[in-house]
N, C-alpha and C. Protein backbone atom coordinates (compact mmCIF):
# COMPACT_ATOMS: atom_id res chain seq x y z
N MET A 1 -7.63 1.95 24.66
CA MET A 1 -7.83 2.51 23.32
C MET A 1 -7.22 1.56 22.28
N ALA A 2 -8.00 1.19 21.29
CA ALA A 2 -7.54 0.29 20.23
C ALA A 2 -6.48 0.97 19.37
N GLN A 3 -5.51 0.19 18.98
CA GLN A 3 -4.49 0.68 18.08
C GLN A 3 -4.82 0.22 16.66
N LYS A 4 -4.25 0.88 15.68
CA LYS A 4 -4.56 0.55 14.29
C LYS A 4 -3.71 -0.63 13.79
N VAL A 5 -4.38 -1.51 13.08
CA VAL A 5 -3.75 -2.63 12.39
C VAL A 5 -4.16 -2.52 10.93
N ILE A 6 -3.19 -2.56 10.04
CA ILE A 6 -3.47 -2.53 8.60
C ILE A 6 -3.33 -3.94 8.07
N VAL A 7 -4.30 -4.37 7.26
CA VAL A 7 -4.26 -5.67 6.62
C VAL A 7 -4.04 -5.46 5.13
N ILE A 8 -2.98 -6.06 4.62
CA ILE A 8 -2.63 -5.98 3.20
C ILE A 8 -2.98 -7.32 2.57
N GLN A 9 -3.84 -7.28 1.55
CA GLN A 9 -4.32 -8.52 0.94
C GLN A 9 -3.68 -8.84 -0.41
N GLY A 10 -3.01 -7.88 -1.01
CA GLY A 10 -2.44 -8.10 -2.34
C GLY A 10 -1.21 -7.26 -2.55
N GLU A 11 -0.70 -7.30 -3.76
CA GLU A 11 0.54 -6.58 -4.08
C GLU A 11 0.31 -5.14 -4.50
N GLY A 12 -0.93 -4.79 -4.80
CA GLY A 12 -1.23 -3.43 -5.23
C GLY A 12 -2.34 -2.83 -4.39
N LEU A 13 -2.50 -1.55 -4.52
CA LEU A 13 -3.53 -0.82 -3.78
C LEU A 13 -4.69 -0.52 -4.72
N GLY A 14 -5.88 -0.88 -4.31
CA GLY A 14 -7.07 -0.65 -5.12
C GLY A 14 -7.27 -1.73 -6.16
N ARG A 15 -8.32 -1.57 -6.92
CA ARG A 15 -8.65 -2.53 -7.97
C ARG A 15 -8.54 -1.85 -9.32
N GLY A 16 -8.21 -2.64 -10.31
CA GLY A 16 -8.08 -2.11 -11.66
C GLY A 16 -6.70 -2.39 -12.21
N ASP A 17 -6.05 -1.38 -12.67
CA ASP A 17 -4.74 -1.52 -13.29
C ASP A 17 -3.68 -1.98 -12.28
N GLU A 18 -3.02 -3.09 -12.56
CA GLU A 18 -2.03 -3.65 -11.64
C GLU A 18 -0.81 -2.75 -11.48
N ASN A 19 -0.34 -2.15 -12.57
CA ASN A 19 0.83 -1.27 -12.48
C ASN A 19 0.53 -0.05 -11.62
N LEU A 20 -0.65 0.53 -11.82
CA LEU A 20 -1.05 1.66 -11.00
C LEU A 20 -1.18 1.24 -9.54
N GLY A 21 -1.77 0.06 -9.30
CA GLY A 21 -1.90 -0.44 -7.94
C GLY A 21 -0.56 -0.60 -7.24
N SER A 22 0.45 -1.08 -7.97
CA SER A 22 1.79 -1.22 -7.39
C SER A 22 2.39 0.14 -7.08
N LEU A 23 2.21 1.08 -7.97
CA LEU A 23 2.71 2.44 -7.75
C LEU A 23 2.05 3.06 -6.53
N LEU A 24 0.74 2.89 -6.42
CA LEU A 24 0.01 3.44 -5.26
C LEU A 24 0.46 2.78 -3.95
N MET A 25 0.70 1.47 -3.97
CA MET A 25 1.14 0.79 -2.76
C MET A 25 2.52 1.28 -2.34
N ALA A 26 3.42 1.45 -3.29
CA ALA A 26 4.76 1.97 -2.98
C ALA A 26 4.66 3.36 -2.38
N ASN A 27 3.82 4.21 -2.97
CA ASN A 27 3.65 5.56 -2.42
C ASN A 27 3.06 5.52 -1.02
N PHE A 28 2.10 4.63 -0.80
CA PHE A 28 1.48 4.49 0.52
C PHE A 28 2.53 4.15 1.57
N PHE A 29 3.34 3.13 1.31
CA PHE A 29 4.35 2.73 2.29
C PHE A 29 5.44 3.79 2.47
N ARG A 30 5.83 4.44 1.38
CA ARG A 30 6.85 5.50 1.48
C ARG A 30 6.35 6.65 2.35
N LEU A 31 5.13 7.08 2.10
CA LEU A 31 4.57 8.20 2.86
C LEU A 31 4.24 7.79 4.30
N LEU A 32 3.83 6.55 4.51
CA LEU A 32 3.58 6.07 5.86
C LEU A 32 4.87 6.07 6.67
N ALA A 33 5.97 5.69 6.04
CA ALA A 33 7.27 5.71 6.73
C ALA A 33 7.67 7.14 7.11
N ASP A 34 7.27 8.11 6.31
CA ASP A 34 7.59 9.52 6.59
C ASP A 34 6.59 10.17 7.56
N SER A 35 5.48 9.51 7.79
CA SER A 35 4.41 10.06 8.61
C SER A 35 4.71 9.96 10.10
N GLN A 36 4.14 10.89 10.87
CA GLN A 36 4.24 10.83 12.33
C GLN A 36 3.40 9.68 12.88
N ALA A 37 2.21 9.51 12.34
CA ALA A 37 1.30 8.47 12.80
C ALA A 37 1.69 7.13 12.19
N LYS A 38 1.75 6.10 13.03
CA LYS A 38 2.11 4.76 12.58
C LYS A 38 1.10 3.76 13.12
N PRO A 39 0.83 2.71 12.36
CA PRO A 39 -0.02 1.64 12.88
C PRO A 39 0.78 0.80 13.88
N LYS A 40 0.07 0.05 14.69
CA LYS A 40 0.71 -0.89 15.60
C LYS A 40 1.38 -2.01 14.78
N SER A 41 0.63 -2.51 13.80
CA SER A 41 1.16 -3.59 12.98
C SER A 41 0.53 -3.57 11.60
N ILE A 42 1.19 -4.29 10.69
CA ILE A 42 0.67 -4.51 9.35
C ILE A 42 0.70 -6.02 9.12
N ILE A 43 -0.48 -6.56 8.83
CA ILE A 43 -0.61 -7.99 8.57
C ILE A 43 -0.69 -8.19 7.06
N PHE A 44 0.11 -9.10 6.55
CA PHE A 44 0.14 -9.40 5.11
C PHE A 44 -0.45 -10.78 4.89
N TRP A 45 -1.55 -10.82 4.11
CA TRP A 45 -2.25 -12.06 3.77
C TRP A 45 -2.20 -12.29 2.28
N ASN A 46 -2.50 -13.51 1.88
CA ASN A 46 -2.61 -13.89 0.48
C ASN A 46 -1.40 -13.37 -0.30
N ALA A 47 -1.60 -12.82 -1.49
CA ALA A 47 -0.48 -12.36 -2.31
C ALA A 47 0.27 -11.19 -1.68
N GLY A 48 -0.31 -10.55 -0.68
CA GLY A 48 0.37 -9.46 0.01
C GLY A 48 1.69 -9.88 0.64
N VAL A 49 1.84 -11.16 0.98
CA VAL A 49 3.09 -11.62 1.60
C VAL A 49 4.28 -11.41 0.67
N ARG A 50 4.04 -11.37 -0.62
CA ARG A 50 5.13 -11.18 -1.59
C ARG A 50 5.85 -9.85 -1.37
N LEU A 51 5.17 -8.88 -0.80
CA LEU A 51 5.77 -7.56 -0.57
C LEU A 51 6.90 -7.61 0.45
N LEU A 52 6.91 -8.64 1.29
CA LEU A 52 7.94 -8.79 2.34
C LEU A 52 9.10 -9.68 1.91
N CYS A 53 9.07 -10.14 0.67
CA CYS A 53 10.04 -11.14 0.22
C CYS A 53 11.07 -10.56 -0.75
N GLU A 54 12.14 -11.33 -0.93
CA GLU A 54 13.21 -10.95 -1.86
C GLU A 54 12.64 -10.46 -3.18
N GLY A 55 13.18 -9.36 -3.68
CA GLY A 55 12.77 -8.83 -4.97
C GLY A 55 11.60 -7.86 -4.93
N SER A 56 11.00 -7.69 -3.76
CA SER A 56 9.87 -6.77 -3.66
C SER A 56 10.33 -5.32 -3.80
N PRO A 57 9.63 -4.54 -4.63
CA PRO A 57 10.00 -3.13 -4.76
C PRO A 57 9.63 -2.30 -3.53
N MET A 58 8.93 -2.91 -2.57
CA MET A 58 8.50 -2.19 -1.36
C MET A 58 9.45 -2.37 -0.18
N LEU A 59 10.46 -3.23 -0.32
CA LEU A 59 11.28 -3.61 0.84
C LEU A 59 11.92 -2.43 1.56
N GLU A 60 12.41 -1.46 0.82
CA GLU A 60 13.06 -0.29 1.46
C GLU A 60 12.10 0.39 2.44
N TYR A 61 10.88 0.62 2.00
CA TYR A 61 9.90 1.30 2.84
C TYR A 61 9.43 0.41 3.98
N LEU A 62 9.24 -0.86 3.71
CA LEU A 62 8.78 -1.78 4.74
C LEU A 62 9.85 -1.98 5.82
N LYS A 63 11.10 -2.07 5.43
CA LYS A 63 12.18 -2.20 6.42
C LYS A 63 12.28 -0.94 7.27
N THR A 64 12.06 0.22 6.65
CA THR A 64 12.06 1.47 7.42
C THR A 64 10.93 1.46 8.45
N LEU A 65 9.74 1.04 8.04
CA LEU A 65 8.62 0.96 8.98
C LEU A 65 8.94 -0.01 10.13
N GLU A 66 9.55 -1.11 9.79
CA GLU A 66 9.92 -2.10 10.81
C GLU A 66 10.93 -1.49 11.80
N GLU A 67 11.91 -0.76 11.29
CA GLU A 67 12.89 -0.09 12.14
C GLU A 67 12.23 0.96 13.03
N GLN A 68 11.12 1.54 12.56
CA GLN A 68 10.39 2.55 13.33
C GLN A 68 9.45 1.91 14.36
N GLY A 69 9.45 0.59 14.45
CA GLY A 69 8.66 -0.09 15.47
C GLY A 69 7.33 -0.66 15.02
N VAL A 70 7.04 -0.60 13.72
CA VAL A 70 5.80 -1.20 13.22
C VAL A 70 6.03 -2.70 13.08
N ASP A 71 5.14 -3.49 13.65
CA ASP A 71 5.22 -4.94 13.59
C ASP A 71 4.70 -5.41 12.25
N LEU A 72 5.56 -5.99 11.43
CA LEU A 72 5.18 -6.52 10.12
C LEU A 72 5.07 -8.03 10.23
N VAL A 73 3.90 -8.57 9.93
CA VAL A 73 3.71 -10.01 10.06
C VAL A 73 3.11 -10.60 8.79
N ALA A 74 3.61 -11.76 8.41
CA ALA A 74 3.17 -12.44 7.19
C ALA A 74 2.51 -13.76 7.55
N CYS A 75 1.40 -14.02 6.92
CA CYS A 75 0.67 -15.27 7.09
C CYS A 75 1.58 -16.44 6.70
N THR A 76 1.84 -17.33 7.65
CA THR A 76 2.70 -18.49 7.39
C THR A 76 2.10 -19.40 6.32
N THR A 77 0.81 -19.64 6.38
CA THR A 77 0.15 -20.48 5.38
C THR A 77 0.33 -19.90 3.99
N CYS A 78 0.21 -18.58 3.87
CA CYS A 78 0.37 -17.91 2.57
C CYS A 78 1.80 -18.02 2.07
N LEU A 79 2.77 -17.81 2.95
CA LEU A 79 4.18 -17.94 2.57
C LEU A 79 4.46 -19.35 2.05
N GLU A 80 3.95 -20.34 2.76
CA GLU A 80 4.18 -21.72 2.35
C GLU A 80 3.44 -22.04 1.04
N TYR A 81 2.25 -21.54 0.89
CA TYR A 81 1.47 -21.77 -0.33
C TYR A 81 2.22 -21.26 -1.57
N PHE A 82 2.82 -20.08 -1.46
CA PHE A 82 3.55 -19.48 -2.58
C PHE A 82 5.01 -19.92 -2.64
N GLY A 83 5.45 -20.76 -1.71
CA GLY A 83 6.84 -21.21 -1.69
C GLY A 83 7.82 -20.11 -1.34
N LEU A 84 7.40 -19.20 -0.47
CA LEU A 84 8.21 -18.01 -0.15
C LEU A 84 8.78 -18.01 1.27
N ARG A 85 8.57 -19.06 2.02
CA ARG A 85 9.00 -19.06 3.44
C ARG A 85 10.47 -18.68 3.60
N GLU A 86 11.33 -19.17 2.73
CA GLU A 86 12.77 -18.91 2.84
C GLU A 86 13.16 -17.56 2.22
N GLN A 87 12.25 -16.90 1.54
CA GLN A 87 12.56 -15.64 0.89
C GLN A 87 12.08 -14.43 1.68
N LEU A 88 11.50 -14.65 2.85
CA LEU A 88 11.01 -13.56 3.70
C LEU A 88 12.21 -12.76 4.21
N VAL A 89 12.27 -11.46 3.91
CA VAL A 89 13.41 -10.64 4.33
C VAL A 89 13.00 -9.45 5.20
N ALA A 90 11.72 -9.20 5.29
CA ALA A 90 11.22 -8.15 6.20
C ALA A 90 10.06 -8.76 6.97
N GLY A 91 9.88 -8.31 8.19
CA GLY A 91 8.80 -8.83 9.00
C GLY A 91 9.08 -10.24 9.48
N LYS A 92 8.03 -10.89 9.99
CA LYS A 92 8.16 -12.25 10.50
C LYS A 92 6.89 -13.03 10.22
N PRO A 93 7.02 -14.35 10.13
CA PRO A 93 5.83 -15.16 9.92
C PRO A 93 4.95 -15.16 11.16
N THR A 94 3.66 -15.34 10.95
CA THR A 94 2.73 -15.38 12.08
C THR A 94 1.66 -16.43 11.83
N THR A 95 1.01 -16.81 12.89
CA THR A 95 -0.08 -17.79 12.79
C THR A 95 -1.40 -17.07 12.56
N MET A 96 -2.37 -17.82 12.08
CA MET A 96 -3.70 -17.25 11.89
C MET A 96 -4.31 -16.87 13.24
N MET A 97 -4.03 -17.63 14.28
CA MET A 97 -4.58 -17.30 15.60
C MET A 97 -4.09 -15.93 16.08
N LYS A 98 -2.82 -15.62 15.85
CA LYS A 98 -2.29 -14.31 16.24
C LYS A 98 -2.92 -13.21 15.39
N SER A 99 -3.14 -13.48 14.13
CA SER A 99 -3.79 -12.50 13.26
C SER A 99 -5.22 -12.26 13.70
N ILE A 100 -5.92 -13.33 14.04
CA ILE A 100 -7.30 -13.20 14.53
C ILE A 100 -7.32 -12.36 15.80
N SER A 101 -6.40 -12.62 16.69
CA SER A 101 -6.33 -11.86 17.93
C SER A 101 -6.14 -10.37 17.66
N ALA A 102 -5.25 -10.05 16.72
CA ALA A 102 -4.98 -8.66 16.38
C ALA A 102 -6.21 -7.97 15.79
N VAL A 103 -6.89 -8.65 14.87
CA VAL A 103 -8.03 -7.99 14.22
C VAL A 103 -9.24 -7.92 15.12
N MET A 104 -9.30 -8.74 16.15
CA MET A 104 -10.44 -8.69 17.07
C MET A 104 -10.24 -7.67 18.19
N SER A 105 -9.00 -7.29 18.44
CA SER A 105 -8.76 -6.40 19.58
C SER A 105 -8.36 -4.99 19.17
N ASP A 106 -8.07 -4.77 17.92
CA ASP A 106 -7.60 -3.45 17.47
C ASP A 106 -8.48 -2.94 16.34
N GLU A 107 -8.28 -1.67 15.98
CA GLU A 107 -8.98 -1.06 14.85
C GLU A 107 -8.30 -1.49 13.57
N VAL A 108 -9.05 -2.11 12.67
CA VAL A 108 -8.48 -2.70 11.46
C VAL A 108 -8.81 -1.86 10.24
N ILE A 109 -7.78 -1.64 9.43
CA ILE A 109 -7.91 -0.97 8.14
C ILE A 109 -7.45 -1.96 7.09
N THR A 110 -8.31 -2.30 6.15
CA THR A 110 -7.96 -3.27 5.11
C THR A 110 -7.68 -2.57 3.80
N LEU A 111 -6.51 -2.89 3.23
CA LEU A 111 -6.12 -2.31 1.93
C LEU A 111 -5.98 -3.43 0.92
């Protein structure tokens, strides 16, 4: 049975107002941490990697999810592109090959 993998592509949830998107993303992670159901992993691509780095307003919720056993992984290329490799404080860097493997073998939800 495939497990769920969530792919985060940006800093906010949905399209449109950035402030609203950030608020929605924070609520999503807060409620996911409180939920019984958890994904196997959350992959962070593109600007989404910023959520795992110093100064992110999502860190409290993301660290809670990590403590609950959710695998948080950040695209290494993205971290390096944004100059954030040394600022990663939640999750761990991953390769594109590992991300491809995850999205090909599990049920993927893209946010």
